[in-house]
Structure formats: structure tokens, C-alpha cells
N, C-alpha and C. Protein backbone atom coordinates (compact mmCIF):
# COMPACT_ATOMS: atom_id res chain seq x y z
N ALA A 1 2.80 -8.14 10.82
CA ALA A 1 1.60 -7.44 10.85
C ALA A 1 1.39 -6.88 12.26
N THR A 2 0.84 -5.70 12.37
CA THR A 2 0.57 -5.00 13.52
C THR A 2 -0.81 -5.14 14.08
N GLN A 3 -1.69 -5.71 13.32
CA GLN A 3 -3.03 -5.71 13.65
C GLN A 3 -3.35 -6.46 14.80
N LYS A 4 -4.15 -6.07 15.75
CA LYS A 4 -4.43 -6.78 17.05
C LYS A 4 -5.44 -7.94 16.90
N THR A 5 -5.27 -9.06 17.53
CA THR A 5 -6.30 -10.09 17.51
C THR A 5 -7.50 -9.88 18.33
N VAL A 6 -7.28 -9.08 19.39
CA VAL A 6 -8.38 -8.59 20.15
C VAL A 6 -8.20 -7.10 20.47
N ASP A 7 -9.39 -6.37 20.69
CA ASP A 7 -9.29 -4.93 20.90
C ASP A 7 -8.19 -4.59 21.93
N GLY A 8 -7.48 -3.53 21.75
CA GLY A 8 -6.40 -3.17 22.56
C GLY A 8 -5.87 -1.86 22.15
N PRO A 9 -4.90 -1.27 22.88
CA PRO A 9 -4.28 0.04 22.53
C PRO A 9 -3.32 -0.24 21.29
N SER A 10 -3.26 0.86 20.37
CA SER A 10 -2.34 0.87 19.28
C SER A 10 -1.52 2.04 19.31
N ALA A 11 -0.23 1.90 19.18
CA ALA A 11 0.71 3.00 19.15
C ALA A 11 0.45 3.88 17.85
N LYS A 12 0.04 3.17 16.71
CA LYS A 12 -0.06 3.97 15.47
C LYS A 12 -1.29 4.84 15.44
N ASP A 13 -2.58 4.29 15.69
CA ASP A 13 -3.71 5.02 15.60
C ASP A 13 -4.85 4.28 16.28
N TRP A 14 -6.05 4.97 16.58
CA TRP A 14 -7.06 4.15 17.28
C TRP A 14 -7.73 3.12 16.48
N ARG A 15 -7.66 3.16 15.10
CA ARG A 15 -8.25 2.14 14.20
C ARG A 15 -7.42 0.84 14.50
N GLY A 16 -6.12 0.97 14.56
CA GLY A 16 -5.32 -0.19 14.58
C GLY A 16 -5.55 -1.03 15.91
N GLY A 17 -6.20 -0.39 16.83
CA GLY A 17 -6.45 -1.10 18.11
C GLY A 17 -7.63 -2.05 18.00
N ARG A 18 -8.39 -2.02 16.96
CA ARG A 18 -9.48 -2.81 16.78
C ARG A 18 -9.21 -4.30 16.46
N ALA A 19 -9.93 -5.27 16.96
CA ALA A 19 -9.60 -6.69 16.74
C ALA A 19 -9.84 -6.94 15.19
N ALA A 20 -8.82 -7.66 14.69
CA ALA A 20 -8.85 -7.96 13.22
C ALA A 20 -9.93 -8.96 12.95
N SER A 21 -10.20 -9.86 13.89
CA SER A 21 -11.16 -10.97 13.57
C SER A 21 -12.62 -10.52 13.54
N PHE A 22 -13.00 -9.25 13.88
CA PHE A 22 -14.37 -8.93 13.91
C PHE A 22 -14.67 -7.55 13.19
N ASN A 23 -13.69 -6.94 12.68
CA ASN A 23 -13.86 -5.55 12.26
C ASN A 23 -13.37 -5.34 10.87
N ILE A 24 -13.97 -4.38 10.07
CA ILE A 24 -13.45 -3.98 8.84
C ILE A 24 -12.68 -2.61 9.24
N ILE A 25 -11.41 -2.59 8.95
CA ILE A 25 -10.53 -1.53 9.50
C ILE A 25 -9.89 -0.75 8.44
N PRO A 26 -10.29 0.60 8.26
CA PRO A 26 -9.59 1.42 7.24
C PRO A 26 -8.21 1.64 7.56
N SER A 27 -7.25 1.45 6.43
CA SER A 27 -5.93 1.56 6.68
C SER A 27 -5.26 2.39 5.47
N SER A 28 -4.00 2.72 5.60
CA SER A 28 -3.35 3.38 4.46
C SER A 28 -2.85 2.31 3.47
N THR A 29 -2.46 2.71 2.36
CA THR A 29 -1.83 1.92 1.26
C THR A 29 -0.93 2.63 0.39
N GLY A 30 0.09 1.87 -0.11
CA GLY A 30 1.07 2.57 -1.03
C GLY A 30 0.74 2.32 -2.47
N ALA A 31 -0.48 1.76 -2.78
CA ALA A 31 -0.93 1.21 -4.04
C ALA A 31 -0.96 2.54 -4.98
N ALA A 32 -1.48 3.57 -4.65
CA ALA A 32 -1.61 4.77 -5.48
C ALA A 32 -0.28 5.28 -5.92
N LYS A 33 0.64 5.27 -4.98
CA LYS A 33 2.10 5.77 -5.28
C LYS A 33 2.68 4.80 -6.27
N ALA A 34 2.42 3.45 -6.05
CA ALA A 34 3.09 2.43 -6.96
C ALA A 34 2.51 2.64 -8.33
N VAL A 35 1.24 2.90 -8.60
CA VAL A 35 0.75 3.06 -9.83
C VAL A 35 1.39 4.14 -10.57
N GLY A 36 1.54 5.33 -9.85
CA GLY A 36 2.33 6.49 -10.45
C GLY A 36 3.75 6.16 -10.83
N LYS A 37 4.39 5.20 -10.21
CA LYS A 37 5.71 4.86 -10.57
C LYS A 37 5.70 3.85 -11.85
N VAL A 38 4.60 3.05 -11.99
CA VAL A 38 4.55 2.18 -13.07
C VAL A 38 3.98 2.91 -14.39
N LEU A 39 2.91 3.85 -14.12
CA LEU A 39 2.32 4.66 -15.12
C LEU A 39 2.55 6.02 -14.81
N PRO A 40 3.69 6.62 -15.38
CA PRO A 40 4.09 8.02 -14.97
C PRO A 40 3.09 9.04 -15.25
N SER A 41 2.22 8.82 -16.37
CA SER A 41 1.18 9.80 -16.64
C SER A 41 0.16 9.90 -15.54
N LEU A 42 0.01 9.01 -14.61
CA LEU A 42 -0.96 9.01 -13.49
C LEU A 42 -0.15 9.51 -12.21
N ASN A 43 1.10 9.77 -12.26
CA ASN A 43 1.77 10.16 -11.12
C ASN A 43 1.28 11.44 -10.46
N GLY A 44 0.89 11.35 -9.04
CA GLY A 44 0.40 12.46 -8.46
C GLY A 44 -1.13 12.71 -8.63
N LYS A 45 -1.73 11.90 -9.44
CA LYS A 45 -3.16 12.09 -9.61
C LYS A 45 -4.07 11.06 -8.99
N LEU A 46 -3.47 10.13 -8.16
CA LEU A 46 -4.21 9.14 -7.37
C LEU A 46 -3.93 9.19 -6.02
N THR A 47 -4.99 8.86 -5.21
CA THR A 47 -4.84 8.64 -3.79
C THR A 47 -5.46 7.23 -3.54
N GLY A 48 -5.35 6.77 -2.37
CA GLY A 48 -6.06 5.50 -2.10
C GLY A 48 -6.09 5.14 -0.62
N MET A 49 -6.86 4.08 -0.23
CA MET A 49 -6.91 3.55 0.99
C MET A 49 -7.11 2.11 1.02
N SER A 50 -6.94 1.46 2.10
CA SER A 50 -7.26 0.01 2.06
C SER A 50 -8.11 -0.37 3.19
N PHE A 51 -8.61 -1.51 3.21
CA PHE A 51 -9.45 -2.04 4.39
C PHE A 51 -8.72 -3.34 4.80
N ARG A 52 -8.69 -3.51 6.04
CA ARG A 52 -8.34 -4.75 6.65
C ARG A 52 -9.60 -5.47 7.07
N VAL A 53 -9.82 -6.66 6.55
CA VAL A 53 -11.12 -7.41 6.71
C VAL A 53 -10.70 -8.80 7.36
N PRO A 54 -11.70 -9.37 8.11
CA PRO A 54 -11.47 -10.72 8.60
C PRO A 54 -11.78 -11.85 7.72
N THR A 55 -11.03 -11.92 6.59
CA THR A 55 -11.22 -13.04 5.56
C THR A 55 -9.79 -13.43 5.33
N VAL A 56 -9.73 -14.63 4.64
CA VAL A 56 -8.37 -15.15 4.27
C VAL A 56 -7.88 -14.46 2.91
N ASP A 57 -8.74 -14.49 1.95
CA ASP A 57 -8.46 -13.83 0.66
C ASP A 57 -9.56 -12.84 0.30
N VAL A 58 -9.07 -11.66 0.00
CA VAL A 58 -10.13 -10.61 -0.30
C VAL A 58 -9.44 -9.58 -1.20
N SER A 59 -10.19 -8.93 -2.03
CA SER A 59 -9.65 -7.87 -2.88
C SER A 59 -10.91 -6.90 -2.99
N VAL A 60 -10.61 -5.59 -2.96
CA VAL A 60 -11.74 -4.65 -3.16
C VAL A 60 -11.05 -3.37 -3.80
N VAL A 61 -11.78 -2.77 -4.71
CA VAL A 61 -11.40 -1.49 -5.32
C VAL A 61 -12.56 -0.46 -5.26
N ASP A 62 -12.24 0.68 -4.55
CA ASP A 62 -13.20 1.67 -4.57
C ASP A 62 -12.56 2.95 -5.40
N LEU A 63 -13.01 2.85 -6.65
CA LEU A 63 -12.38 3.90 -7.50
C LEU A 63 -13.24 5.15 -7.78
N THR A 64 -12.73 6.19 -7.36
CA THR A 64 -13.39 7.49 -7.51
C THR A 64 -12.55 8.36 -8.46
N VAL A 65 -13.25 8.92 -9.50
CA VAL A 65 -12.59 9.72 -10.55
C VAL A 65 -13.21 10.96 -10.73
N ARG A 66 -12.48 12.00 -11.14
CA ARG A 66 -13.04 13.26 -11.56
C ARG A 66 -12.61 13.43 -13.02
N LEU A 67 -13.62 13.32 -13.89
CA LEU A 67 -13.45 13.49 -15.34
C LEU A 67 -13.43 14.82 -15.85
N GLU A 68 -12.63 15.03 -16.91
CA GLU A 68 -12.59 16.34 -17.58
C GLU A 68 -13.84 16.73 -18.28
N LYS A 69 -14.62 15.67 -18.78
CA LYS A 69 -15.87 16.02 -19.42
C LYS A 69 -16.87 14.93 -18.97
N ALA A 70 -18.09 15.13 -19.16
CA ALA A 70 -19.20 14.26 -18.74
C ALA A 70 -19.12 12.96 -19.52
N ALA A 71 -19.44 11.76 -18.79
CA ALA A 71 -19.47 10.50 -19.39
C ALA A 71 -20.48 9.55 -18.72
N THR A 72 -21.20 8.81 -19.42
CA THR A 72 -22.07 7.87 -18.82
C THR A 72 -21.43 6.69 -18.20
N TYR A 73 -22.08 5.89 -17.44
CA TYR A 73 -21.52 4.80 -16.70
C TYR A 73 -21.14 3.72 -17.85
N ASP A 74 -21.88 3.59 -18.86
CA ASP A 74 -21.65 2.66 -19.92
C ASP A 74 -20.33 3.19 -20.72
N GLU A 75 -20.20 4.35 -20.89
CA GLU A 75 -18.93 4.82 -21.61
C GLU A 75 -17.72 4.51 -20.79
N ILE A 76 -17.88 4.69 -19.46
CA ILE A 76 -16.69 4.49 -18.67
C ILE A 76 -16.37 3.01 -18.67
N LYS A 77 -17.34 2.18 -18.42
CA LYS A 77 -17.11 0.71 -18.55
C LYS A 77 -16.47 0.31 -19.74
N ALA A 78 -16.92 0.82 -20.94
CA ALA A 78 -16.48 0.53 -22.22
C ALA A 78 -14.92 0.97 -22.36
N ALA A 79 -14.62 2.07 -21.88
CA ALA A 79 -13.28 2.61 -21.91
C ALA A 79 -12.23 1.79 -21.09
N ILE A 80 -12.75 1.30 -19.92
CA ILE A 80 -11.92 0.52 -19.07
C ILE A 80 -11.72 -0.81 -19.63
N LYS A 81 -12.66 -1.33 -20.25
CA LYS A 81 -12.73 -2.71 -20.94
C LYS A 81 -11.73 -2.67 -22.12
N GLU A 82 -11.77 -1.62 -22.88
CA GLU A 82 -10.93 -1.39 -24.03
C GLU A 82 -9.52 -1.31 -23.67
N GLU A 83 -9.18 -0.58 -22.64
CA GLU A 83 -7.82 -0.44 -22.28
C GLU A 83 -7.21 -1.73 -21.67
N SER A 84 -8.20 -2.36 -20.92
CA SER A 84 -7.75 -3.70 -20.30
C SER A 84 -7.44 -4.75 -21.39
N GLU A 85 -8.04 -4.63 -22.56
CA GLU A 85 -7.77 -5.60 -23.63
C GLU A 85 -6.71 -5.23 -24.60
N GLY A 86 -6.19 -3.96 -24.38
CA GLY A 86 -5.35 -3.40 -25.34
C GLY A 86 -3.93 -3.18 -24.63
N LYS A 87 -3.41 -1.95 -24.67
CA LYS A 87 -2.06 -1.69 -24.22
C LYS A 87 -1.96 -1.92 -22.70
N MET A 88 -2.96 -1.81 -21.97
CA MET A 88 -2.95 -1.99 -20.51
C MET A 88 -3.05 -3.40 -20.04
N LYS A 89 -3.16 -4.43 -20.98
CA LYS A 89 -3.34 -5.77 -20.57
C LYS A 89 -2.24 -6.37 -19.80
């Protein structure tokens, strides 16, 4: 890992110079590219970012989508739940 334990200079970018134990730090991730390899129909349709946070175990998803037609929040939740229990399980 390249994250600093105390504030200091970073060769990569200014955010990487922030102390890991006190800051939430935006970072890059390869997760979006990996999804495209596993689900070819989504290849090139996703981007992503990650956060480095001062905790032992953490997971966060900030999902932003652009839909082809209007949908309510409940319709979106139902569609995700249906897929998670079916072929995407």
C-alpha cells in the first residue's frame, strides 16, 4: 500500500499524501473495468471510484445510472432485487 500514515508528499497525487488514519481519500478503482469483463453487456458503460477510509472493514457503493426511460425508486429497487435473486445471483 502506498497510503501515508501521516500527512506528507505523494509522488502519485496530492490526495495520496493525506494521512490514512484521519481522512476519507478518493481513489481510483478497477472495479468498473472488471464488471465489464465479467458482464460483457456492461463493458464500457461503467465508471467508478473508491474511497480509502480509516476503518478495518468497510464497503461502499455509490451507484449512479442514466436510464433509457423514467423509473421510480421503487421500480429500480424491485428490478435490482429480482436480478439479484435470479440469473445474477
